[in-house]
Amino acid sequence: MPEQITLSRLEQDLVFFNKMYDAVRLIDPVKKKVLEYRNHSIGETSEICYDYWENGIICDNCISVRAHHENKSYMKLEQNPDTIMLVTAIPIEAMGEAIILELFKNATDSMMIGTGDYNDGQTMRNVVYDINNMVIKDHLTSIYNRRFVDDRLPVDIIKAVMAEQPLSVIFMDIDNMKTINDTYGHVMGDLVLKQVATAVQDCIRTNMDWAARYGGDEFIICLNDIGGDEASHIAERIHNNISSIEIPIQNRIIKITVSLGIQTMFRSPLTAEEIICMSDEKMYKEKRRKNSKNETI
């Protein structure tokens, strides 16, 4: 692993970096704040890091969060309305603080991929979009994957705490998924997963909330600025939407049911691991309740 950049070296390095790159900045990858280096110390500014891309939302594939989590450098292509940038994110050794050095190089006219018309900016933008999605999207259901959960949920929690807003997480598991796979095959199981993912997305807000396939037949839904009562209504809507799915096979109809657990964070902060574990426990409590009811019947 290459030697890390430290705060003591940063001032002289920044002069060099600015000669080589089109833009250089320091950011807090969790709070999403641009930082200022002055008088041998780091200070927070009012600037939000993703404002640079002029899209108003946090980048789905945030390499600075990943650089911070894994303590190593990452690179990716990103775009704003006019340019495509090659972004390098480098963790800074700073007494336990989350600090990332981001280096920007304009690649709009200099990067080529494959064959064809290299002057076609829109084609290049599609390539950038596809590459970034490959990292954080589940290939089967086209919703987000577990890597996205690990990167994004801590950021949304910090945003909720700073804004003094609630945040709710729904942990969802498909009932009897093993029976579906064993009885009808994994092709049918994959179809169930796709239909469930679509049903969930139909019930949440675009660009405000998100859903991810956490693993197997488990899903996580993050509801930003949503309290417990409203989260319960959304969970009920998701449950009903999925229950209405009917998949015909072998002269019969497969009906899908799910178990859901809800955990809301407000005023008392929870870590990503804590809120996931709490919602997971509530989901299993609901699953046990349903199984016990079936056995009684």
C-alpha atoms as a PDB file:
ATOM      1  CA  MET A   1       0.000   0.000   0.000  1.00  0.00           C
ATOM      2  CA  PRO A   2       1.463   3.441  -0.905  1.00  0.00           C
ATOM      3  CA  GLU A   3       2.452   5.827   1.889  1.00  0.00           C
ATOM      4  CA  GLN A   4      -0.522   7.847   3.109  1.00  0.00           C
ATOM      5  CA  ILE A   5      -0.709  11.605   2.826  1.00  0.00           C
ATOM      6  CA  THR A   6      -0.674  13.228   6.274  1.00  0.00           C
ATOM      7  CA  LEU A   7      -1.823  16.643   7.442  1.00  0.00           C
ATOM      8  CA  SER A   8       1.803  17.657   7.994  1.00  0.00           C
ATOM      9  CA  ARG A   9       2.565  17.086   4.275  1.00  0.00           C
ATOM     10  CA  LEU A  10      -0.720  18.410   2.962  1.00  0.00           C
ATOM     11  CA  GLU A  11       0.113  22.093   2.473  1.00  0.00           C
ATOM     12  CA  GLN A  12       3.094  21.546   0.176  1.00  0.00           C
ATOM     13  CA  ASP A  13       1.305  18.709  -1.627  1.00  0.00           C
ATOM     14  CA  LEU A  14      -1.778  20.821  -2.395  1.00  0.00           C
ATOM     15  CA  VAL A  15       0.311  23.278  -4.419  1.00  0.00           C
ATOM     16  CA  PHE A  16       1.670  20.389  -6.496  1.00  0.00           C
ATOM     17  CA  PHE A  17      -1.745  18.745  -6.920  1.00  0.00           C
ATOM     18  CA  ASN A  18      -3.300  21.978  -8.173  1.00  0.00           C
ATOM     19  CA  LYS A  19      -0.702  22.110 -10.953  1.00  0.00           C
ATOM     20  CA  MET A  20      -1.593  18.594 -12.113  1.00  0.00           C
ATOM     21  CA  TYR A  21      -5.379  18.517 -11.727  1.00  0.00           C
ATOM     22  CA  ASP A  22      -8.321  20.645 -12.840  1.00  0.00           C
ATOM     23  CA  ALA A  23      -9.758  20.755  -9.306  1.00  0.00           C
ATOM     24  CA  VAL A  24      -8.588  19.676  -5.859  1.00  0.00           C
ATOM     25  CA  ARG A  25     -10.590  19.608  -2.638  1.00  0.00           C
ATOM     26  CA  LEU A  26     -10.816  18.090   0.815  1.00  0.00           C
ATOM     27  CA  ILE A  27     -14.115  16.629   2.009  1.00  0.00           C
ATOM     28  CA  ASP A  28     -15.713  14.910   4.966  1.00  0.00           C
ATOM     29  CA  PRO A  29     -17.177  11.857   3.173  1.00  0.00           C
ATOM     30  CA  VAL A  30     -19.807  11.155   5.843  1.00  0.00           C
ATOM     31  CA  LYS A  31     -21.105  14.665   6.536  1.00  0.00           C
ATOM     32  CA  LYS A  32     -20.688  15.500   2.813  1.00  0.00           C
ATOM     33  CA  LYS A  33     -19.037  18.827   3.672  1.00  0.00           C
ATOM     34  CA  VAL A  34     -16.180  20.459   1.756  1.00  0.00           C
ATOM     35  CA  LEU A  35     -13.287  21.198   4.107  1.00  0.00           C
ATOM     36  CA  GLU A  36     -10.840  24.095   4.198  1.00  0.00           C
ATOM     37  CA  TYR A  37      -7.141  23.778   5.042  1.00  0.00           C
ATOM     38  CA  ARG A  38      -5.809  26.907   6.728  1.00  0.00           C
ATOM     39  CA  ASN A  39      -3.049  27.594   9.263  1.00  0.00           C
ATOM     40  CA  HIS A  40      -2.115  23.926   9.450  1.00  0.00           C
ATOM     41  CA  SER A  41      -5.630  22.875  10.464  1.00  0.00           C
ATOM     42  CA  ILE A  42      -8.828  21.610   8.840  1.00  0.00           C
ATOM     43  CA  GLY A  43     -12.117  23.512   9.069  1.00  0.00           C
ATOM     44  CA  GLU A  44     -15.615  22.747   7.810  1.00  0.00           C
ATOM     45  CA  THR A  45     -17.262  24.985   5.194  1.00  0.00           C
ATOM     46  CA  SER A  46     -20.943  25.383   4.339  1.00  0.00           C
ATOM     47  CA  GLU A  47     -20.421  23.849   0.885  1.00  0.00           C
ATOM     48  CA  ILE A  48     -21.958  20.423   0.201  1.00  0.00           C
ATOM     49  CA  CYS A  49     -19.621  18.154  -1.758  1.00  0.00           C
ATOM     50  CA  TYR A  50     -22.177  16.849  -4.261  1.00  0.00           C
ATOM     51  CA  ASP A  51     -23.270  20.370  -5.251  1.00  0.00           C
ATOM     52  CA  TYR A  52     -20.305  20.220  -7.644  1.00  0.00           C
ATOM     53  CA  TRP A  53     -22.251  17.841  -9.894  1.00  0.00           C
ATOM     54  CA  GLU A  54     -25.303  20.127 -10.060  1.00  0.00           C
ATOM     55  CA  ASN A  55     -27.811  17.314  -9.562  1.00  0.00           C
ATOM     56  CA  GLY A  56     -28.977  18.148  -6.037  1.00  0.00           C
ATOM     57  CA  ILE A  57     -28.608  14.617  -4.656  1.00  0.00           C
ATOM     58  CA  ILE A  58     -25.882  12.498  -3.076  1.00  0.00           C
ATOM     59  CA  CYS A  59     -23.912  10.445  -5.591  1.00  0.00           C
ATOM     60  CA  ASP A  60     -25.089   6.832  -5.492  1.00  0.00           C
ATOM     61  CA  ASN A  61     -21.601   5.451  -6.096  1.00  0.00           C
ATOM     62  CA  CYS A  62     -19.599   7.568  -3.642  1.00  0.00           C
ATOM     63  CA  ILE A  63     -15.982   6.499  -3.850  1.00  0.00           C
ATOM     64  CA  SER A  64     -14.978   8.894  -1.070  1.00  0.00           C
ATOM     65  CA  VAL A  65     -17.103   6.960   1.416  1.00  0.00           C
ATOM     66  CA  ARG A  66     -15.514   3.745   0.143  1.00  0.00           C
ATOM     67  CA  ALA A  67     -12.009   5.237   0.373  1.00  0.00           C
ATOM     68  CA  HIS A  68     -12.774   6.194   3.976  1.00  0.00           C
ATOM     69  CA  HIS A  69     -14.269   2.814   4.925  1.00  0.00           C
ATOM     70  CA  GLU A  70     -11.508   0.725   3.350  1.00  0.00           C
ATOM     71  CA  ASN A  71      -8.636   3.181   3.886  1.00  0.00           C
ATOM     72  CA  LYS A  72      -7.377   3.023   0.322  1.00  0.00           C
ATOM     73  CA  SER A  73      -7.599   5.117  -2.830  1.00  0.00           C
ATOM     74  CA  TYR A  74     -10.371   4.749  -5.407  1.00  0.00           C
ATOM     75  CA  MET A  75     -11.032   6.188  -8.866  1.00  0.00           C
ATOM     76  CA  LYS A  76     -14.205   6.618 -10.909  1.00  0.00           C
ATOM     77  CA  LEU A  77     -15.734   8.573 -13.750  1.00  0.00           C
ATOM     78  CA  GLU A  78     -18.382  11.149 -12.790  1.00  0.00           C
ATOM     79  CA  GLN A  79     -20.224  13.783 -14.761  1.00  0.00           C
ATOM     80  CA  ASN A  80     -21.910  17.132 -14.435  1.00  0.00           C
ATOM     81  CA  PRO A  81     -24.014  18.710 -17.221  1.00  0.00           C
ATOM     82  CA  ASP A  82     -20.976  19.854 -19.222  1.00  0.00           C
ATOM     83  CA  THR A  83     -18.009  17.625 -18.379  1.00  0.00           C
ATOM     84  CA  ILE A  84     -16.919  14.107 -17.535  1.00  0.00           C
ATOM     85  CA  MET A  85     -14.385  13.980 -14.724  1.00  0.00           C
ATOM     86  CA  LEU A  86     -11.961  11.291 -13.625  1.00  0.00           C
ATOM     87  CA  VAL A  87     -12.158  11.497  -9.821  1.00  0.00           C
ATOM     88  CA  THR A  88      -9.518  10.075  -7.484  1.00  0.00           C
ATOM     89  CA  ALA A  89     -10.344   9.768  -3.773  1.00  0.00           C
ATOM     90  CA  ILE A  90      -7.410   9.428  -1.361  1.00  0.00           C
ATOM     91  CA  PRO A  91      -7.795   8.981   2.434  1.00  0.00           C
ATOM     92  CA  ILE A  92      -5.827  11.424   4.575  1.00  0.00           C
ATOM     93  CA  GLU A  93      -4.209  10.386   7.840  1.00  0.00           C
ATOM     94  CA  ALA A  94      -5.714  12.924  10.258  1.00  0.00           C
ATOM     95  CA  MET A  95      -5.937  11.695  13.860  1.00  0.00           C
ATOM     96  CA  GLY A  96      -9.024   9.576  13.282  1.00  0.00           C
ATOM     97  CA  GLU A  97     -11.001  12.248  11.442  1.00  0.00           C
ATOM     98  CA  ALA A  98     -12.802  11.360   8.206  1.00  0.00           C
ATOM     99  CA  ILE A  99     -10.917  13.367   5.566  1.00  0.00           C
ATOM    100  CA  ILE A 100     -10.626  12.529   1.866  1.00  0.00           C
ATOM    101  CA  LEU A 101      -8.556  14.293  -0.769  1.00  0.00           C
ATOM    102  CA  GLU A 102     -10.437  14.415  -4.090  1.00  0.00           C
ATOM    103  CA  LEU A 103      -8.564  15.082  -7.333  1.00  0.00           C
ATOM    104  CA  PHE A 104     -10.489  15.973 -10.514  1.00  0.00           C
ATOM    105  CA  LYS A 105      -9.214  15.565 -14.080  1.00  0.00           C
ATOM    106  CA  ASN A 106     -11.335  16.572 -17.066  1.00  0.00           C
ATOM    107  CA  ALA A 107     -11.734  13.467 -19.257  1.00  0.00           C
ATOM    108  CA  THR A 108     -14.489  14.744 -21.547  1.00  0.00           C
ATOM    109  CA  ASP A 109     -12.356  14.858 -24.694  1.00  0.00           C
ATOM    110  CA  SER A 110      -9.366  12.742 -23.685  1.00  0.00           C
ATOM    111  CA  MET A 111     -10.804   9.365 -22.678  1.00  0.00           C
ATOM    112  CA  MET A 112     -11.763   6.754 -25.279  1.00  0.00           C
ATOM    113  CA  ILE A 113     -13.604   3.479 -24.786  1.00  0.00           C
ATOM    114  CA  GLY A 114     -13.919   0.782 -27.429  1.00  0.00           C
ATOM    115  CA  THR A 115     -14.717   1.808 -30.985  1.00  0.00           C
ATOM    116  CA  GLY A 116     -17.088   4.255 -32.597  1.00  0.00           C
ATOM    117  CA  ASP A 117     -17.547   7.987 -32.490  1.00  0.00           C
ATOM    118  CA  TYR A 118     -15.401   9.254 -29.626  1.00  0.00           C
ATOM    119  CA  ASN A 119     -16.823  12.738 -30.041  1.00  0.00           C
ATOM    120  CA  ASP A 120     -20.272  11.535 -29.033  1.00  0.00           C
ATOM    121  CA  GLY A 121     -20.509  12.947 -25.530  1.00  0.00           C
ATOM    122  CA  GLN A 122     -23.892  11.398 -24.838  1.00  0.00           C
ATOM    123  CA  THR A 123     -22.561   7.908 -25.593  1.00  0.00           C
ATOM    124  CA  MET A 124     -19.693   8.516 -23.171  1.00  0.00           C
ATOM    125  CA  ARG A 125     -22.149   9.697 -20.542  1.00  0.00           C
ATOM    126  CA  ASN A 126     -24.099   6.470 -20.939  1.00  0.00           C
ATOM    127  CA  VAL A 127     -20.886   4.514 -20.410  1.00  0.00           C
ATOM    128  CA  VAL A 128     -20.171   6.465 -17.197  1.00  0.00           C
ATOM    129  CA  TYR A 129     -23.722   5.840 -15.971  1.00  0.00           C
ATOM    130  CA  ASP A 130     -23.489   2.104 -16.688  1.00  0.00           C
ATOM    131  CA  ILE A 131     -20.066   1.734 -15.033  1.00  0.00           C
ATOM    132  CA  ASN A 132     -21.192   3.462 -11.848  1.00  0.00           C
ATOM    133  CA  ASN A 133     -24.393   1.438 -11.681  1.00  0.00           C
ATOM    134  CA  MET A 134     -22.503  -1.843 -12.008  1.00  0.00           C
ATOM    135  CA  VAL A 135     -20.905  -1.184  -8.626  1.00  0.00           C
ATOM    136  CA  ILE A 136     -23.984  -0.373  -6.569  1.00  0.00           C
ATOM    137  CA  LYS A 137     -26.914  -2.039  -8.372  1.00  0.00           C
ATOM    138  CA  ASP A 138     -28.108  -5.633  -7.915  1.00  0.00           C
ATOM    139  CA  HIS A 139     -27.806  -7.286 -11.335  1.00  0.00           C
ATOM    140  CA  LEU A 140     -30.989  -9.347 -10.895  1.00  0.00           C
ATOM    141  CA  THR A 141     -33.512  -6.883  -9.475  1.00  0.00           C
ATOM    142  CA  SER A 142     -31.924  -3.594 -10.673  1.00  0.00           C
ATOM    143  CA  ILE A 143     -32.362  -2.037  -7.229  1.00  0.00           C
ATOM    144  CA  TYR A 144     -29.383  -1.219  -5.017  1.00  0.00           C
ATOM    145  CA  ASN A 145     -27.128  -3.887  -3.510  1.00  0.00           C
ATOM    146  CA  ARG A 146     -25.536  -4.467  -0.103  1.00  0.00           C
ATOM    147  CA  ARG A 147     -22.459  -2.399  -0.977  1.00  0.00           C
ATOM    148  CA  PHE A 148     -24.749   0.589  -1.509  1.00  0.00           C
ATOM    149  CA  VAL A 149     -26.373  -0.025   1.893  1.00  0.00           C
ATOM    150  CA  ASP A 150     -22.960  -0.094   3.588  1.00  0.00           C
ATOM    151  CA  ASP A 151     -21.921   3.154   1.881  1.00  0.00           C
ATOM    152  CA  ARG A 152     -25.157   5.127   1.911  1.00  0.00           C
ATOM    153  CA  LEU A 153     -27.030   4.307   5.127  1.00  0.00           C
ATOM    154  CA  PRO A 154     -24.382   5.879   7.447  1.00  0.00           C
ATOM    155  CA  VAL A 155     -24.498   9.050   5.316  1.00  0.00           C
ATOM    156  CA  ASP A 156     -28.302   9.269   5.491  1.00  0.00           C
ATOM    157  CA  ILE A 157     -28.149   8.711   9.249  1.00  0.00           C
ATOM    158  CA  ILE A 158     -25.692  11.596   9.666  1.00  0.00           C
ATOM    159  CA  LYS A 159     -27.903  13.833   7.512  1.00  0.00           C
ATOM    160  CA  ALA A 160     -30.954  12.950   9.629  1.00  0.00           C
ATOM    161  CA  VAL A 161     -29.102  13.642  12.889  1.00  0.00           C
ATOM    162  CA  MET A 162     -27.742  17.005  11.682  1.00  0.00           C
ATOM    163  CA  ALA A 163     -31.157  18.083  10.347  1.00  0.00           C
ATOM    164  CA  GLU A 164     -32.953  16.715  13.454  1.00  0.00           C
ATOM    165  CA  GLN A 165     -35.224  14.663  11.207  1.00  0.00           C
ATOM    166  CA  PRO A 166     -36.478  11.098  11.617  1.00  0.00           C
ATOM    167  CA  LEU A 167     -35.235   8.213   9.503  1.00  0.00           C
ATOM    168  CA  SER A 168     -36.940   4.850   9.220  1.00  0.00           C
ATOM    169  CA  VAL A 169     -35.576   1.535   7.984  1.00  0.00           C
ATOM    170  CA  ILE A 170     -37.736  -1.403   6.907  1.00  0.00           C
ATOM    171  CA  PHE A 171     -36.141  -4.850   6.890  1.00  0.00           C
ATOM    172  CA  MET A 172     -38.143  -7.193   4.652  1.00  0.00           C
ATOM    173  CA  ASP A 173     -37.918 -10.926   4.014  1.00  0.00           C
ATOM    174  CA  ILE A 174     -39.907 -12.978   1.491  1.00  0.00           C
ATOM    175  CA  ASP A 175     -41.893 -15.750   3.190  1.00  0.00           C
ATOM    176  CA  ASN A 176     -41.283 -19.336   2.084  1.00  0.00           C
ATOM    177  CA  MET A 177     -38.701 -18.396  -0.548  1.00  0.00           C
ATOM    178  CA  LYS A 178     -36.885 -21.719  -0.126  1.00  0.00           C
ATOM    179  CA  THR A 179     -40.121 -23.593  -0.823  1.00  0.00           C
ATOM    180  CA  ILE A 180     -40.671 -21.559  -3.994  1.00  0.00           C
ATOM    181  CA  ASN A 181     -37.132 -22.327  -5.224  1.00  0.00           C
ATOM    182  CA  ASP A 182     -37.360 -26.028  -4.311  1.00  0.00           C
ATOM    183  CA  THR A 183     -40.814 -26.508  -5.836  1.00  0.00           C
ATOM    184  CA  TYR A 184     -40.655 -24.378  -8.974  1.00  0.00           C
ATOM    185  CA  GLY A 185     -36.928 -23.830  -9.559  1.00  0.00           C
ATOM    186  CA  HIS A 186     -34.604 -20.867  -9.256  1.00  0.00           C
ATOM    187  CA  VAL A 187     -35.840 -19.281 -12.493  1.00  0.00           C
ATOM    188  CA  MET A 188     -39.197 -18.812 -10.822  1.00  0.00           C
ATOM    189  CA  GLY A 189     -37.444 -17.684  -7.648  1.00  0.00           C
ATOM    190  CA  ASP A 190     -35.612 -15.002  -9.632  1.00  0.00           C
ATOM    191  CA  LEU A 191     -38.904 -13.826 -11.114  1.00  0.00           C
ATOM    192  CA  VAL A 192     -40.357 -13.506  -7.612  1.00  0.00           C
ATOM    193  CA  LEU A 193     -37.388 -11.390  -6.505  1.00  0.00           C
ATOM    194  CA  LYS A 194     -37.778  -9.092  -9.520  1.00  0.00           C
ATOM    195  CA  GLN A 195     -41.513  -8.643  -8.958  1.00  0.00           C
ATOM    196  CA  VAL A 196     -41.026  -7.934  -5.259  1.00  0.00           C
ATOM    197  CA  ALA A 197     -38.350  -5.315  -6.014  1.00  0.00           C
ATOM    198  CA  THR A 198     -40.659  -3.579  -8.498  1.00  0.00           C
ATOM    199  CA  ALA A 199     -43.547  -3.628  -6.020  1.00  0.00           C
ATOM    200  CA  VAL A 200     -41.360  -2.011  -3.351  1.00  0.00           C
ATOM    201  CA  GLN A 201     -40.131   0.736  -5.675  1.00  0.00           C
ATOM    202  CA  ASP A 202     -43.724   1.573  -6.585  1.00  0.00           C
ATOM    203  CA  CYS A 203     -44.356   2.441  -2.918  1.00  0.00           C
ATOM    204  CA  ILE A 204     -41.430   4.754  -2.138  1.00  0.00           C
ATOM    205  CA  ARG A 205     -40.366   8.235  -3.243  1.00  0.00           C
ATOM    206  CA  THR A 206     -37.868   8.593  -6.080  1.00  0.00           C
ATOM    207  CA  ASN A 207     -34.716  10.537  -5.089  1.00  0.00           C
ATOM    208  CA  MET A 208     -35.799  10.611  -1.426  1.00  0.00           C
ATOM    209  CA  ASP A 209     -35.994   6.973  -0.355  1.00  0.00           C
ATOM    210  CA  TRP A 210     -34.207   3.882  -1.601  1.00  0.00           C
ATOM    211  CA  ALA A 211     -34.517   0.109  -1.583  1.00  0.00           C
ATOM    212  CA  ALA A 212     -31.754  -2.494  -1.744  1.00  0.00           C
ATOM    213  CA  ARG A 213     -31.473  -6.240  -1.979  1.00  0.00           C
ATOM    214  CA  TYR A 214     -29.485  -6.968   1.166  1.00  0.00           C
ATOM    215  CA  GLY A 215     -28.848 -10.623   0.383  1.00  0.00           C
ATOM    216  CA  GLY A 216     -30.828 -13.635  -0.836  1.00  0.00           C
ATOM    217  CA  ASP A 217     -34.488 -12.804  -0.263  1.00  0.00           C
ATOM    218  CA  GLU A 218     -33.823  -9.970   2.210  1.00  0.00           C
ATOM    219  CA  PHE A 219     -34.450  -6.324   1.375  1.00  0.00           C
ATOM    220  CA  ILE A 220     -33.769  -3.019   3.123  1.00  0.00           C
ATOM    221  CA  ILE A 221     -35.858   0.096   2.514  1.00  0.00           C
ATOM    222  CA  CYS A 222     -34.612   3.462   3.799  1.00  0.00           C
ATOM    223  CA  LEU A 223     -37.216   6.191   4.326  1.00  0.00           C
ATOM    224  CA  ASN A 224     -35.678   9.637   4.846  1.00  0.00           C
ATOM    225  CA  ASP A 225     -37.518  12.192   7.001  1.00  0.00           C
ATOM    226  CA  ILE A 226     -40.215   9.608   7.720  1.00  0.00           C
ATOM    227  CA  GLY A 227     -41.400   8.925  11.302  1.00  0.00           C
ATOM    228  CA  GLY A 228     -42.757   5.719  12.792  1.00  0.00           C
ATOM    229  CA  ASP A 229     -46.467   6.168  11.977  1.00  0.00           C
ATOM    230  CA  GLU A 230     -45.874   7.085   8.341  1.00  0.00           C
ATOM    231  CA  ALA A 231     -43.307   4.301   8.009  1.00  0.00           C
ATOM    232  CA  SER A 232     -45.930   1.819   9.231  1.00  0.00           C
ATOM    233  CA  HIS A 233     -48.360   3.042   6.567  1.00  0.00           C
ATOM    234  CA  ILE A 234     -45.689   2.660   3.878  1.00  0.00           C
ATOM    235  CA  ALA A 235     -44.803  -0.824   5.127  1.00  0.00           C
ATOM    236  CA  GLU A 236     -48.466  -1.785   4.977  1.00  0.00           C
ATOM    237  CA  ARG A 237     -48.695  -0.426   1.439  1.00  0.00           C
ATOM    238  CA  ILE A 238     -45.607  -2.437   0.438  1.00  0.00           C
ATOM    239  CA  HIS A 239     -47.071  -5.568   2.059  1.00  0.00           C
ATOM    240  CA  ASN A 240     -50.394  -5.159   0.244  1.00  0.00           C
ATOM    241  CA  ASN A 241     -48.733  -4.370  -3.076  1.00  0.00           C
ATOM    242  CA  ILE A 242     -46.641  -7.538  -2.886  1.00  0.00           C
ATOM    243  CA  SER A 243     -49.606  -9.634  -1.710  1.00  0.00           C
ATOM    244  CA  SER A 244     -51.487  -8.609  -4.841  1.00  0.00           C
ATOM    245  CA  ILE A 245     -48.830 -10.182  -7.103  1.00  0.00           C
ATOM    246  CA  GLU A 246     -50.040 -13.316  -8.863  1.00  0.00           C
ATOM    247  CA  ILE A 247     -47.613 -15.463 -10.863  1.00  0.00           C
ATOM    248  CA  PRO A 248     -49.196 -18.249 -12.974  1.00  0.00           C
ATOM    249  CA  ILE A 249     -47.258 -21.535 -13.205  1.00  0.00           C
ATOM    250  CA  GLN A 250     -48.209 -25.172 -13.771  1.00  0.00           C
ATOM    251  CA  ASN A 251     -51.952 -24.439 -13.825  1.00  0.00           C
ATOM    252  CA  ARG A 252     -51.838 -22.654 -10.494  1.00  0.00           C
ATOM    253  CA  ILE A 253     -51.149 -19.187  -9.109  1.00  0.00           C
ATOM    254  CA  ILE A 254     -48.219 -18.349  -6.836  1.00  0.00           C
ATOM    255  CA  LYS A 255     -49.043 -15.744  -4.193  1.00  0.00           C
ATOM    256  CA  ILE A 256     -46.214 -13.898  -2.465  1.00  0.00           C
ATOM    257  CA  THR A 257     -46.144 -12.693   1.122  1.00  0.00           C
ATOM    258  CA  VAL A 258     -43.446 -10.901   3.074  1.00  0.00           C
ATOM    259  CA  SER A 259     -42.539 -10.167   6.675  1.00  0.00           C
ATOM    260  CA  LEU A 260     -41.419  -6.650   7.584  1.00  0.00           C
ATOM    261  CA  GLY A 261     -39.756  -5.010  10.569  1.00  0.00           C
ATOM    262  CA  ILE A 262     -39.587  -1.243  11.078  1.00  0.00           C
ATOM    263  CA  GLN A 263     -37.086   0.751  13.123  1.00  0.00           C
ATOM    264  CA  THR A 264     -37.294   4.536  13.332  1.00  0.00           C
ATOM    265  CA  MET A 265     -34.457   6.772  14.516  1.00  0.00           C
ATOM    266  CA  PHE A 266     -35.315  10.218  15.865  1.00  0.00           C
ATOM    267  CA  ARG A 267     -33.435  12.367  18.388  1.00  0.00           C
ATOM    268  CA  SER A 268     -31.517   9.329  19.717  1.00  0.00           C
ATOM    269  CA  PRO A 269     -28.870   8.466  17.070  1.00  0.00           C
ATOM    270  CA  LEU A 270     -28.344   4.875  15.954  1.00  0.00           C
ATOM    271  CA  THR A 271     -25.491   3.468  13.908  1.00  0.00           C
ATOM    272  CA  ALA A 272     -26.233   1.772  10.593  1.00  0.00           C
ATOM    273  CA  GLU A 273     -25.492  -1.604  12.158  1.00  0.00           C
ATOM    274  CA  GLU A 274     -27.811  -0.909  15.092  1.00  0.00           C
ATOM    275  CA  ILE A 275     -30.779   0.242  13.011  1.00  0.00           C
ATOM    276  CA  ILE A 276     -30.423  -2.731  10.649  1.00  0.00           C
ATOM    277  CA  CYS A 277     -30.196  -5.210  13.545  1.00  0.00           C
ATOM    278  CA  MET A 278     -33.230  -3.694  15.277  1.00  0.00           C
ATOM    279  CA  SER A 279     -35.398  -3.762  12.160  1.00  0.00           C
ATOM    280  CA  ASP A 280     -34.163  -7.294  11.403  1.00  0.00           C
ATOM    281  CA  GLU A 281     -35.185  -8.475  14.884  1.00  0.00           C
ATOM    282  CA  LYS A 282     -38.638  -6.954  14.453  1.00  0.00           C
ATOM    283  CA  MET A 283     -38.988  -8.665  11.081  1.00  0.00           C
ATOM    284  CA  TYR A 284     -38.159 -12.068  12.590  1.00  0.00           C
ATOM    285  CA  LYS A 285     -40.576 -11.420  15.437  1.00  0.00           C
ATOM    286  CA  GLU A 286     -43.291 -10.817  12.833  1.00  0.00           C
ATOM    287  CA  LYS A 287     -42.280 -13.978  10.929  1.00  0.00           C
ATOM    288  CA  ARG A 288     -42.410 -16.073  14.121  1.00  0.00           C
ATOM    289  CA  ARG A 289     -45.819 -14.615  14.955  1.00  0.00           C
ATOM    290  CA  LYS A 290     -47.177 -15.614  11.531  1.00  0.00           C
ATOM    291  CA  ASN A 291     -45.674 -19.100  11.739  1.00  0.00           C
ATOM    292  CA  SER A 292     -47.110 -19.592  15.221  1.00  0.00           C
ATOM    293  CA  LYS A 293     -50.524 -18.460  14.007  1.00  0.00           C
ATOM    294  CA  ASN A 294     -50.376 -20.938  11.091  1.00  0.00           C
ATOM    295  CA  GLU A 295     -49.411 -23.790  13.409  1.00  0.00           C
ATOM    296  CA  THR A 296     -52.308 -22.926  15.752  1.00  0.00           C
ATOM    297  CA  ILE A 297     -54.735 -22.945  12.866  1.00  0.00           C
END
